[in-house]
Amino acid sequence: MTLTRSWTVAVGSVLLLGTASTLFGDMGSIPFKPWVSVYEPNQRAIIAFNGHEQILILSTDLRASEPTKVLEILPLPSEPQIKEGDIDVFRSATELINRKLFPNRNRGVGGAVGGPGGGGEPLPPAGEVTETKRIGAHDISVTHVLDSERFVEWAERFLEENNADEVHIPEALKEVVEEYLDDGFEWFAFDVVDLGTETVTKDAILYRFESRRLYYPLRITRAETGETKVRLLVLTPDLVELPRGPELSVRLVERPVDVTRRELEQLDPDLFDLLRTRTRTKLRIWETEGELSSFQQDIWTR
């Protein structure tokens, strides 16, 4: 397999208030066949954070110019629990926002919203697979970094052993991955999915992990080209500061709405479990946009 595009995660969402949208640029899908084009017109993401633990639910619409396997990678700050998410939660959350923001308006909701050394003992492995899980069309492997200096080499061998004809991770992507390793990231999720020529909505995947700050990866997309608009539906017990940085601007799309415990329980049991100690939760949509190559930092906030 030749990886000629980028090693990255499907990021962002199109959880719009009543409309469907198309994202500009390919959002980080890596075909096993290097000549194949992959199209990712819609992406969805929900973030729920309680101050010490986070849930990240991801789903995308994908198709390819011909049948192929596609690889996506998600860098994570700690070991995740992985399970199938509810694809309907994206629509339900958007409808909830619409009802609260526009109680007197009958608005429709868009359907696509949203190696051994030179002599001596063999070196220990640079990484290990701690969990594998099949969810719908997804083959997900959670990998733990044991030696950051050799992890990219280990990852190439891992991919080659999983039915890839040839493996090459572009230098631009290696640099971004090494940034994560230098920052202390030890966990990555490898997601391989089968694609055909018809657009399909990927199963929603739920990642739950410990984190002291709300987290969303953007840097990993920097090896890609093109423009994108990232929309994140965010749930937290209280309002938090919008992420800011010299090369990052995140804005609030609409004012936050209050979600009751009952509304949250009806929305999704996993989100409710994460935030169950609060009588009300803040729900809103964040947005950022720009050239994929311009994302120099991730979203982090308390």
C-alpha atoms as a PDB file:
ATOM      1  CA  MET A   1       0.000   0.000   0.000  1.00  0.00           C
ATOM      2  CA  THR A   2       1.271   3.457  -0.832  1.00  0.00           C
ATOM      3  CA  LEU A   3      -0.050   6.163   1.438  1.00  0.00           C
ATOM      4  CA  THR A   4       0.132   9.189  -0.819  1.00  0.00           C
ATOM      5  CA  ARG A   5      -2.366  11.397   0.945  1.00  0.00           C
ATOM      6  CA  SER A   6      -2.387  11.704   4.740  1.00  0.00           C
ATOM      7  CA  TRP A   7      -2.642   9.731   7.918  1.00  0.00           C
ATOM      8  CA  THR A   8      -5.428  11.422   9.791  1.00  0.00           C
ATOM      9  CA  VAL A   9      -8.850  11.385  11.372  1.00  0.00           C
ATOM     10  CA  ALA A  10     -12.195  12.413  10.059  1.00  0.00           C
ATOM     11  CA  VAL A  11     -12.715  15.745  11.761  1.00  0.00           C
ATOM     12  CA  GLY A  12     -15.498  18.244  12.106  1.00  0.00           C
ATOM     13  CA  SER A  13     -19.216  18.077  11.705  1.00  0.00           C
ATOM     14  CA  VAL A  14     -22.020  19.435   9.616  1.00  0.00           C
ATOM     15  CA  LEU A  15     -24.575  19.621  12.370  1.00  0.00           C
ATOM     16  CA  LEU A  16     -26.189  22.679  10.879  1.00  0.00           C
ATOM     17  CA  LEU A  17     -29.286  24.443  12.076  1.00  0.00           C
ATOM     18  CA  GLY A  18     -31.681  23.195   9.449  1.00  0.00           C
ATOM     19  CA  THR A  19     -29.463  22.808   6.388  1.00  0.00           C
ATOM     20  CA  ALA A  20     -27.118  20.364   4.778  1.00  0.00           C
ATOM     21  CA  SER A  21     -23.608  21.330   3.762  1.00  0.00           C
ATOM     22  CA  THR A  22     -20.620  20.170   1.756  1.00  0.00           C
ATOM     23  CA  LEU A  23     -17.128  20.464   3.155  1.00  0.00           C
ATOM     24  CA  PHE A  24     -14.349  21.683   0.898  1.00  0.00           C
ATOM     25  CA  GLY A  25     -11.336  19.443   0.516  1.00  0.00           C
ATOM     26  CA  ASP A  26     -10.726  15.825   1.329  1.00  0.00           C
ATOM     27  CA  MET A  27     -10.833  15.444   5.103  1.00  0.00           C
ATOM     28  CA  GLY A  28      -8.074  12.938   5.616  1.00  0.00           C
ATOM     29  CA  SER A  29      -9.102   9.601   4.163  1.00  0.00           C
ATOM     30  CA  ILE A  30      -6.198   7.450   2.990  1.00  0.00           C
ATOM     31  CA  PRO A  31      -6.960   4.904   0.266  1.00  0.00           C
ATOM     32  CA  PHE A  32      -5.027   1.648   0.232  1.00  0.00           C
ATOM     33  CA  LYS A  33      -4.954   2.071  -3.565  1.00  0.00           C
ATOM     34  CA  PRO A  34      -2.994   5.304  -4.106  1.00  0.00           C
ATOM     35  CA  TRP A  35      -4.685   6.142  -7.413  1.00  0.00           C
ATOM     36  CA  VAL A  36      -8.173   6.087  -5.904  1.00  0.00           C
ATOM     37  CA  SER A  37      -9.917   9.327  -4.953  1.00  0.00           C
ATOM     38  CA  VAL A  38     -11.936   9.386  -1.730  1.00  0.00           C
ATOM     39  CA  TYR A  39     -14.776  11.857  -1.236  1.00  0.00           C
ATOM     40  CA  GLU A  40     -15.945  12.920   2.218  1.00  0.00           C
ATOM     41  CA  PRO A  41     -18.806  15.405   1.720  1.00  0.00           C
ATOM     42  CA  ASN A  42     -20.172  15.340   5.275  1.00  0.00           C
ATOM     43  CA  GLN A  43     -18.617  14.831   8.677  1.00  0.00           C
ATOM     44  CA  ARG A  44     -20.119  14.804  12.145  1.00  0.00           C
ATOM     45  CA  ALA A  45     -18.620  15.119  15.622  1.00  0.00           C
ATOM     46  CA  ILE A  46     -20.068  15.401  19.118  1.00  0.00           C
ATOM     47  CA  ILE A  47     -17.905  16.221  22.126  1.00  0.00           C
ATOM     48  CA  ALA A  48     -19.059  15.736  25.726  1.00  0.00           C
ATOM     49  CA  PHE A  49     -16.688  16.673  28.575  1.00  0.00           C
ATOM     50  CA  ASN A  50     -17.191  16.619  32.345  1.00  0.00           C
ATOM     51  CA  GLY A  51     -13.843  18.000  33.517  1.00  0.00           C
ATOM     52  CA  HIS A  52     -11.897  14.743  33.701  1.00  0.00           C
ATOM     53  CA  GLU A  53     -13.389  12.441  31.060  1.00  0.00           C
ATOM     54  CA  GLN A  54     -14.533  12.936  27.481  1.00  0.00           C
ATOM     55  CA  ILE A  55     -16.734  11.263  24.884  1.00  0.00           C
ATOM     56  CA  LEU A  56     -16.038  11.859  21.199  1.00  0.00           C
ATOM     57  CA  ILE A  57     -18.572  10.511  18.680  1.00  0.00           C
ATOM     58  CA  LEU A  58     -17.498  10.558  15.031  1.00  0.00           C
ATOM     59  CA  SER A  59     -19.246   9.714  11.766  1.00  0.00           C
ATOM     60  CA  THR A  60     -18.680  10.645   8.124  1.00  0.00           C
ATOM     61  CA  ASP A  61     -20.211  10.145   4.696  1.00  0.00           C
ATOM     62  CA  LEU A  62     -17.712   8.525   2.333  1.00  0.00           C
ATOM     63  CA  ARG A  63     -17.376   7.165  -1.185  1.00  0.00           C
ATOM     64  CA  ALA A  64     -14.470   6.269  -3.465  1.00  0.00           C
ATOM     65  CA  SER A  65     -13.828   6.400  -7.204  1.00  0.00           C
ATOM     66  CA  GLU A  66     -13.457   2.609  -7.048  1.00  0.00           C
ATOM     67  CA  PRO A  67     -13.746   0.038  -4.250  1.00  0.00           C
ATOM     68  CA  THR A  68     -10.883   0.267  -1.761  1.00  0.00           C
ATOM     69  CA  LYS A  69      -9.971   0.129   1.893  1.00  0.00           C
ATOM     70  CA  VAL A  70      -9.393   3.471   3.605  1.00  0.00           C
ATOM     71  CA  LEU A  71      -7.333   4.230   6.698  1.00  0.00           C
ATOM     72  CA  GLU A  72      -8.085   6.924   9.276  1.00  0.00           C
ATOM     73  CA  ILE A  73      -6.049   7.639  12.404  1.00  0.00           C
ATOM     74  CA  LEU A  74      -7.115   9.352  15.620  1.00  0.00           C
ATOM     75  CA  PRO A  75      -4.493  10.569  18.148  1.00  0.00           C
ATOM     76  CA  LEU A  76      -5.794  10.380  21.714  1.00  0.00           C
ATOM     77  CA  PRO A  77      -4.491  11.726  25.044  1.00  0.00           C
ATOM     78  CA  SER A  78      -5.207   8.460  26.925  1.00  0.00           C
ATOM     79  CA  GLU A  79      -6.368   4.893  26.356  1.00  0.00           C
ATOM     80  CA  PRO A  80      -9.897   4.925  24.905  1.00  0.00           C
ATOM     81  CA  GLN A  81     -12.885   2.692  25.338  1.00  0.00           C
ATOM     82  CA  ILE A  82     -14.497   2.100  21.944  1.00  0.00           C
ATOM     83  CA  LYS A  83     -18.046   1.138  21.078  1.00  0.00           C
ATOM     84  CA  GLU A  84     -20.629   1.709  18.398  1.00  0.00           C
ATOM     85  CA  GLY A  85     -22.367   5.050  18.733  1.00  0.00           C
ATOM     86  CA  ASP A  86     -25.918   5.955  17.798  1.00  0.00           C
ATOM     87  CA  ILE A  87     -25.952   7.577  14.362  1.00  0.00           C
ATOM     88  CA  ASP A  88     -29.303   9.214  15.164  1.00  0.00           C
ATOM     89  CA  VAL A  89     -27.785  11.252  18.007  1.00  0.00           C
ATOM     90  CA  PHE A  90     -26.516  13.839  15.513  1.00  0.00           C
ATOM     91  CA  ARG A  91     -29.987  14.528  14.141  1.00  0.00           C
ATOM     92  CA  SER A  92     -31.586  14.410  17.593  1.00  0.00           C
ATOM     93  CA  ALA A  93     -29.095  16.884  19.041  1.00  0.00           C
ATOM     94  CA  THR A  94     -29.575  19.278  16.141  1.00  0.00           C
ATOM     95  CA  GLU A  95     -33.360  19.092  16.464  1.00  0.00           C
ATOM     96  CA  LEU A  96     -33.016  19.795  20.193  1.00  0.00           C
ATOM     97  CA  ILE A  97     -30.989  22.937  19.493  1.00  0.00           C
ATOM     98  CA  ASN A  98     -33.489  24.074  16.874  1.00  0.00           C
ATOM     99  CA  ARG A  99     -36.445  23.594  19.218  1.00  0.00           C
ATOM    100  CA  LYS A 100     -34.790  25.636  21.943  1.00  0.00           C
ATOM    101  CA  LEU A 101     -33.429  28.417  19.744  1.00  0.00           C
ATOM    102  CA  PHE A 102     -36.437  28.700  17.441  1.00  0.00           C
ATOM    103  CA  PRO A 103     -39.474  27.467  19.417  1.00  0.00           C
ATOM    104  CA  ASN A 104     -41.961  29.253  17.143  1.00  0.00           C
ATOM    105  CA  ARG A 105     -40.450  28.234  13.841  1.00  0.00           C
ATOM    106  CA  ASN A 106     -41.239  25.038  11.954  1.00  0.00           C
ATOM    107  CA  ARG A 107     -37.895  24.378  10.360  1.00  0.00           C
ATOM    108  CA  GLY A 108     -36.820  21.194   8.604  1.00  0.00           C
ATOM    109  CA  VAL A 109     -33.539  19.551   9.391  1.00  0.00           C
ATOM    110  CA  GLY A 110     -31.175  18.635   6.583  1.00  0.00           C
ATOM    111  CA  GLY A 111     -30.713  14.915   6.098  1.00  0.00           C
ATOM    112  CA  ALA A 112     -26.919  15.009   5.970  1.00  0.00           C
ATOM    113  CA  VAL A 113     -26.324  17.389   8.826  1.00  0.00           C
ATOM    114  CA  GLY A 114     -24.883  18.166   9.861  1.00  0.00           C
ATOM    115  CA  GLY A 115      13.851  -4.132  14.378  1.00  0.00           C
ATOM    116  CA  PRO A 116      16.650  -5.665  15.566  1.00  0.00           C
ATOM    117  CA  GLY A 117      19.804  -3.658  16.210  1.00  0.00           C
ATOM    118  CA  GLY A 118      23.104  -4.373  14.575  1.00  0.00           C
ATOM    119  CA  GLY A 119      24.237  -7.128  16.828  1.00  0.00           C
ATOM    120  CA  GLY A 120      22.921  -7.562  20.477  1.00  0.00           C
ATOM    121  CA  GLU A 121      19.492  -8.433  21.694  1.00  0.00           C
ATOM    122  CA  PRO A 122      16.487  -7.602  19.512  1.00  0.00           C
ATOM    123  CA  LEU A 123      14.838  -4.321  20.436  1.00  0.00           C
ATOM    124  CA  PRO A 124      11.443  -4.470  22.124  1.00  0.00           C
ATOM    125  CA  PRO A 125       8.479  -3.439  19.949  1.00  0.00           C
ATOM    126  CA  ALA A 126       7.850   0.288  19.534  1.00  0.00           C
ATOM    127  CA  GLY A 127       4.102  -0.176  19.831  1.00  0.00           C
ATOM    128  CA  GLU A 128       1.448  -2.663  20.777  1.00  0.00           C
ATOM    129  CA  VAL A 129      -2.151  -3.251  19.778  1.00  0.00           C
ATOM    130  CA  THR A 130      -4.209  -3.301  22.981  1.00  0.00           C
ATOM    131  CA  GLU A 131      -7.667  -3.767  21.468  1.00  0.00           C
ATOM    132  CA  THR A 132      -9.215  -4.664  18.136  1.00  0.00           C
ATOM    133  CA  LYS A 133     -12.887  -4.268  17.397  1.00  0.00           C
ATOM    134  CA  ARG A 134     -15.141  -4.734  14.388  1.00  0.00           C
ATOM    135  CA  ILE A 135     -18.007  -2.221  14.273  1.00  0.00           C
ATOM    136  CA  GLY A 136     -20.045  -2.404  11.089  1.00  0.00           C
ATOM    137  CA  ALA A 137     -17.635  -1.764   8.225  1.00  0.00           C
ATOM    138  CA  HIS A 138     -14.901  -0.579  10.616  1.00  0.00           C
ATOM    139  CA  ASP A 139     -11.834  -2.539  11.727  1.00  0.00           C
ATOM    140  CA  ILE A 140     -10.463  -0.497  14.645  1.00  0.00           C
ATOM    141  CA  SER A 141      -7.146  -1.146  16.396  1.00  0.00           C
ATOM    142  CA  VAL A 142      -6.143   0.793  19.508  1.00  0.00           C
ATOM    143  CA  THR A 143      -2.356   1.171  19.543  1.00  0.00           C
ATOM    144  CA  HIS A 144      -0.107   2.104  22.464  1.00  0.00           C
ATOM    145  CA  VAL A 145       3.226   3.821  21.805  1.00  0.00           C
ATOM    146  CA  LEU A 146       6.107   2.099  23.617  1.00  0.00           C
ATOM    147  CA  ASP A 147       9.031   3.795  21.847  1.00  0.00           C
ATOM    148  CA  SER A 148       8.254   7.116  20.207  1.00  0.00           C
ATOM    149  CA  GLU A 149      11.485   7.156  18.189  1.00  0.00           C
ATOM    150  CA  ARG A 150      10.547   3.939  16.356  1.00  0.00           C
ATOM    151  CA  PHE A 151       6.756   4.162  16.404  1.00  0.00           C
ATOM    152  CA  VAL A 152       6.286   5.374  12.808  1.00  0.00           C
ATOM    153  CA  GLU A 153       8.439   2.489  11.555  1.00  0.00           C
ATOM    154  CA  TRP A 154       6.407   0.063  13.682  1.00  0.00           C
ATOM    155  CA  ALA A 155       3.166   1.519  12.336  1.00  0.00           C
ATOM    156  CA  GLU A 156       4.317   1.018   8.749  1.00  0.00           C
ATOM    157  CA  ARG A 157       5.035  -2.646   9.463  1.00  0.00           C
ATOM    158  CA  PHE A 158       1.698  -3.027  11.212  1.00  0.00           C
ATOM    159  CA  LEU A 159      -0.156  -1.663   8.190  1.00  0.00           C
ATOM    160  CA  GLU A 160       1.866  -3.834   5.817  1.00  0.00           C
ATOM    161  CA  GLU A 161       0.971  -6.929   7.829  1.00  0.00           C
ATOM    162  CA  ASN A 162      -2.700  -6.030   7.431  1.00  0.00           C
ATOM    163  CA  ASN A 163      -3.001  -6.771   3.711  1.00  0.00           C
ATOM    164  CA  ALA A 164      -1.224  -3.702   2.359  1.00  0.00           C
ATOM    165  CA  ASP A 165       0.886  -4.247  -0.757  1.00  0.00           C
ATOM    166  CA  GLU A 166       3.272  -1.395  -0.040  1.00  0.00           C
ATOM    167  CA  VAL A 167       3.496   1.150   2.761  1.00  0.00           C
ATOM    168  CA  HIS A 168       4.840   4.657   2.648  1.00  0.00           C
ATOM    169  CA  ILE A 169       3.896   7.379   5.102  1.00  0.00           C
ATOM    170  CA  PRO A 170       4.639  10.796   3.571  1.00  0.00           C
ATOM    171  CA  GLU A 171       7.261  12.917   5.284  1.00  0.00           C
ATOM    172  CA  ALA A 172       4.773  15.718   5.979  1.00  0.00           C
ATOM    173  CA  LEU A 173       2.564  13.287   7.840  1.00  0.00           C
ATOM    174  CA  LYS A 174       5.473  11.737   9.734  1.00  0.00           C
ATOM    175  CA  GLU A 175       6.365  15.199  10.993  1.00  0.00           C
ATOM    176  CA  VAL A 176       2.849  15.765  12.336  1.00  0.00           C
ATOM    177  CA  VAL A 177       2.731  12.334  13.990  1.00  0.00           C
ATOM    178  CA  GLU A 178       6.117  13.006  15.575  1.00  0.00           C
ATOM    179  CA  GLU A 179       4.746  16.282  16.966  1.00  0.00           C
ATOM    180  CA  TYR A 180       2.072  14.299  18.783  1.00  0.00           C
ATOM    181  CA  LEU A 181       4.696  11.858  20.049  1.00  0.00           C
ATOM    182  CA  ASP A 182       6.903  14.743  21.251  1.00  0.00           C
ATOM    183  CA  ASP A 183       3.879  16.153  23.091  1.00  0.00           C
ATOM    184  CA  GLY A 184       3.486  12.902  25.002  1.00  0.00           C
ATOM    185  CA  PHE A 185       0.672  11.255  23.041  1.00  0.00           C
ATOM    186  CA  GLU A 186       0.853   7.492  23.549  1.00  0.00           C
ATOM    187  CA  TRP A 187      -2.458   6.336  22.068  1.00  0.00           C
ATOM    188  CA  PHE A 188      -3.703   6.183  18.481  1.00  0.00           C
ATOM    189  CA  ALA A 189      -6.777   4.530  16.984  1.00  0.00           C
ATOM    190  CA  PHE A 190      -6.317   2.959  13.518  1.00  0.00           C
ATOM    191  CA  ASP A 191      -9.636   2.703  11.672  1.00  0.00           C
ATOM    192  CA  VAL A 192      -9.781   0.752   8.401  1.00  0.00           C
ATOM    193  CA  VAL A 193     -13.063   0.835   6.480  1.00  0.00           C
ATOM    194  CA  ASP A 194     -14.190  -0.690   3.168  1.00  0.00           C
ATOM    195  CA  LEU A 195     -15.559   1.798   0.635  1.00  0.00           C
ATOM    196  CA  GLY A 196     -17.431   1.483  -2.643  1.00  0.00           C
ATOM    197  CA  THR A 197     -18.487   3.985  -5.272  1.00  0.00           C
ATOM    198  CA  GLU A 198     -21.804   4.805  -3.587  1.00  0.00           C
ATOM    199  CA  THR A 199     -21.857   7.352  -0.760  1.00  0.00           C
ATOM    200  CA  VAL A 200     -22.422   5.638   2.576  1.00  0.00           C
ATOM    201  CA  THR A 201     -22.765   6.999   6.090  1.00  0.00           C
ATOM    202  CA  LYS A 202     -20.166   5.340   8.270  1.00  0.00           C
ATOM    203  CA  ASP A 203     -21.279   3.839  11.541  1.00  0.00           C
ATOM    204  CA  ALA A 204     -20.900   6.289  14.404  1.00  0.00           C
ATOM    205  CA  ILE A 205     -17.908   5.381  16.581  1.00  0.00           C
ATOM    206  CA  LEU A 206     -17.841   6.447  20.235  1.00  0.00           C
ATOM    207  CA  TYR A 207     -14.481   7.008  21.940  1.00  0.00           C
ATOM    208  CA  ARG A 208     -14.443   7.532  25.717  1.00  0.00           C
ATOM    209  CA  PHE A 209     -11.188   8.507  27.407  1.00  0.00           C
ATOM    210  CA  GLU A 210      -9.738  10.392  30.353  1.00  0.00           C
ATOM    211  CA  SER A 211      -8.626  13.970  29.763  1.00  0.00           C
ATOM    212  CA  ARG A 212      -8.058  16.993  31.971  1.00  0.00           C
ATOM    213  CA  ARG A 213      -9.071  19.299  29.120  1.00  0.00           C
ATOM    214  CA  LEU A 214     -11.626  19.161  26.336  1.00  0.00           C
ATOM    215  CA  TYR A 215      -9.783  17.883  23.259  1.00  0.00           C
ATOM    216  CA  TYR A 216     -10.311  17.775  19.510  1.00  0.00           C
ATOM    217  CA  PRO A 217      -7.519  16.949  17.024  1.00  0.00           C
ATOM    218  CA  LEU A 218      -6.842  19.395  14.202  1.00  0.00           C
ATOM    219  CA  ARG A 219      -3.072  19.226  13.648  1.00  0.00           C
ATOM    220  CA  ILE A 220      -3.272  15.692  12.273  1.00  0.00           C
ATOM    221  CA  THR A 221      -5.026  17.109   9.178  1.00  0.00           C
ATOM    222  CA  ARG A 222      -2.119  19.406   8.350  1.00  0.00           C
ATOM    223  CA  ALA A 223      -0.619  16.990   5.825  1.00  0.00           C
ATOM    224  CA  GLU A 224      -3.802  17.402   3.747  1.00  0.00           C
ATOM    225  CA  THR A 225      -4.608  20.162   1.269  1.00  0.00           C
ATOM    226  CA  GLY A 226      -7.802  22.095   0.687  1.00  0.00           C
ATOM    227  CA  GLU A 227     -10.178  24.168   2.768  1.00  0.00           C
ATOM    228  CA  THR A 228     -12.639  22.991   5.365  1.00  0.00           C
ATOM    229  CA  LYS A 229     -15.233  24.218   7.805  1.00  0.00           C
ATOM    230  CA  VAL A 230     -15.267  22.294  11.090  1.00  0.00           C
ATOM    231  CA  ARG A 231     -18.422  22.330  13.221  1.00  0.00           C
ATOM    232  CA  LEU A 232     -18.432  20.637  16.613  1.00  0.00           C
ATOM    233  CA  LEU A 233     -21.468  20.019  18.775  1.00  0.00           C
ATOM    234  CA  VAL A 234     -20.228  20.451  22.349  1.00  0.00           C
ATOM    235  CA  LEU A 235     -21.773  19.374  25.683  1.00  0.00           C
ATOM    236  CA  THR A 236     -20.268  20.486  29.009  1.00  0.00           C
ATOM    237  CA  PRO A 237     -21.656  21.025  32.534  1.00  0.00           C
ATOM    238  CA  ASP A 238     -20.810  24.736  32.411  1.00  0.00           C
ATOM    239  CA  LEU A 239     -19.699  27.200  29.782  1.00  0.00           C
ATOM    240  CA  VAL A 240     -16.004  27.008  28.931  1.00  0.00           C
ATOM    241  CA  GLU A 241     -13.749  29.483  27.201  1.00  0.00           C
ATOM    242  CA  LEU A 242     -13.670  29.300  23.434  1.00  0.00           C
ATOM    243  CA  PRO A 243     -10.331  27.842  22.335  1.00  0.00           C
ATOM    244  CA  ARG A 244      -7.957  30.557  21.204  1.00  0.00           C
ATOM    245  CA  GLY A 245      -4.443  30.620  19.877  1.00  0.00           C
ATOM    246  CA  PRO A 246      -2.153  32.513  17.518  1.00  0.00           C
ATOM    247  CA  GLU A 247      -3.215  30.230  14.651  1.00  0.00           C
ATOM    248  CA  LEU A 248      -6.644  29.063  15.837  1.00  0.00           C
ATOM    249  CA  SER A 249      -9.969  30.863  15.967  1.00  0.00           C
ATOM    250  CA  VAL A 250     -13.083  29.035  17.164  1.00  0.00           C
ATOM    251  CA  ARG A 251     -16.403  30.865  17.200  1.00  0.00           C
ATOM    252  CA  LEU A 252     -19.808  30.200  18.678  1.00  0.00           C
ATOM    253  CA  VAL A 253     -22.428  29.607  15.977  1.00  0.00           C
ATOM    254  CA  GLU A 254     -25.484  30.285  18.162  1.00  0.00           C
ATOM    255  CA  ARG A 255     -25.980  30.993  21.842  1.00  0.00           C
ATOM    256  CA  PRO A 256     -25.695  27.921  24.119  1.00  0.00           C
ATOM    257  CA  VAL A 257     -28.891  26.161  25.189  1.00  0.00           C
ATOM    258  CA  ASP A 258     -29.637  24.410  28.483  1.00  0.00           C
ATOM    259  CA  VAL A 259     -30.348  20.674  28.315  1.00  0.00           C
ATOM    260  CA  THR A 260     -32.133  19.017  31.238  1.00  0.00           C
ATOM    261  CA  ARG A 261     -31.188  15.626  32.663  1.00  0.00           C
ATOM    262  CA  ARG A 262     -34.275  14.090  31.084  1.00  0.00           C
ATOM    263  CA  GLU A 263     -33.516  15.609  27.683  1.00  0.00           C
ATOM    264  CA  LEU A 264     -29.929  14.373  27.895  1.00  0.00           C
ATOM    265  CA  GLU A 265     -31.030  10.866  28.867  1.00  0.00           C
ATOM    266  CA  GLN A 266     -33.401  10.792  25.898  1.00  0.00           C
ATOM    267  CA  LEU A 267     -30.654  12.088  23.619  1.00  0.00           C
ATOM    268  CA  ASP A 268     -28.065   9.367  24.344  1.00  0.00           C
ATOM    269  CA  PRO A 269     -27.422   7.060  27.340  1.00  0.00           C
ATOM    270  CA  ASP A 270     -23.622   7.355  27.094  1.00  0.00           C
ATOM    271  CA  LEU A 271     -23.709  11.152  27.063  1.00  0.00           C
ATOM    272  CA  PHE A 272     -26.109  11.029  30.003  1.00  0.00           C
ATOM    273  CA  ASP A 273     -23.799   8.684  31.920  1.00  0.00           C
ATOM    274  CA  LEU A 274     -20.865  11.053  31.440  1.00  0.00           C
ATOM    275  CA  LEU A 275     -22.816  14.125  32.604  1.00  0.00           C
ATOM    276  CA  ARG A 276     -25.375  12.523  34.924  1.00  0.00           C
ATOM    277  CA  THR A 277     -24.336  14.406  38.071  1.00  0.00           C
ATOM    278  CA  ARG A 278     -25.540  17.747  36.690  1.00  0.00           C
ATOM    279  CA  THR A 279     -29.156  18.881  36.560  1.00  0.00           C
ATOM    280  CA  ARG A 280     -28.501  20.885  33.403  1.00  0.00           C
ATOM    281  CA  THR A 281     -25.905  20.750  30.641  1.00  0.00           C
ATOM    282  CA  LYS A 282     -24.787  23.409  28.168  1.00  0.00           C
ATOM    283  CA  LEU A 283     -25.134  22.492  24.482  1.00  0.00           C
ATOM    284  CA  ARG A 284     -23.776  24.593  21.616  1.00  0.00           C
ATOM    285  CA  ILE A 285     -22.004  24.463  18.257  1.00  0.00           C
ATOM    286  CA  TRP A 286     -18.442  25.656  17.719  1.00  0.00           C
ATOM    287  CA  GLU A 287     -16.998  26.426  14.319  1.00  0.00           C
ATOM    288  CA  THR A 288     -13.551  26.939  12.834  1.00  0.00           C
ATOM    289  CA  GLU A 289     -12.415  26.994   9.231  1.00  0.00           C
ATOM    290  CA  GLY A 290      -9.419  27.452   6.991  1.00  0.00           C
ATOM    291  CA  GLU A 291      -6.791  25.646   4.970  1.00  0.00           C
ATOM    292  CA  LEU A 292      -6.142  22.176   6.338  1.00  0.00           C
ATOM    293  CA  SER A 293      -2.413  22.849   6.083  1.00  0.00           C
ATOM    294  CA  SER A 294      -2.840  25.876   8.376  1.00  0.00           C
ATOM    295  CA  PHE A 295      -3.967  23.942  11.464  1.00  0.00           C
ATOM    296  CA  GLN A 296      -0.948  24.265  13.745  1.00  0.00           C
ATOM    297  CA  GLN A 297      -2.668  23.388  17.017  1.00  0.00           C
ATOM    298  CA  ASP A 298      -5.454  21.214  18.349  1.00  0.00           C
ATOM    299  CA  ILE A 299      -8.525  22.334  20.248  1.00  0.00           C
ATOM    300  CA  TRP A 300      -7.834  22.230  23.983  1.00  0.00           C
ATOM    301  CA  THR A 301      -9.875  23.997  26.636  1.00  0.00           C
ATOM    302  CA  ARG A 302     -11.025  23.570  30.239  1.00  0.00           C
END
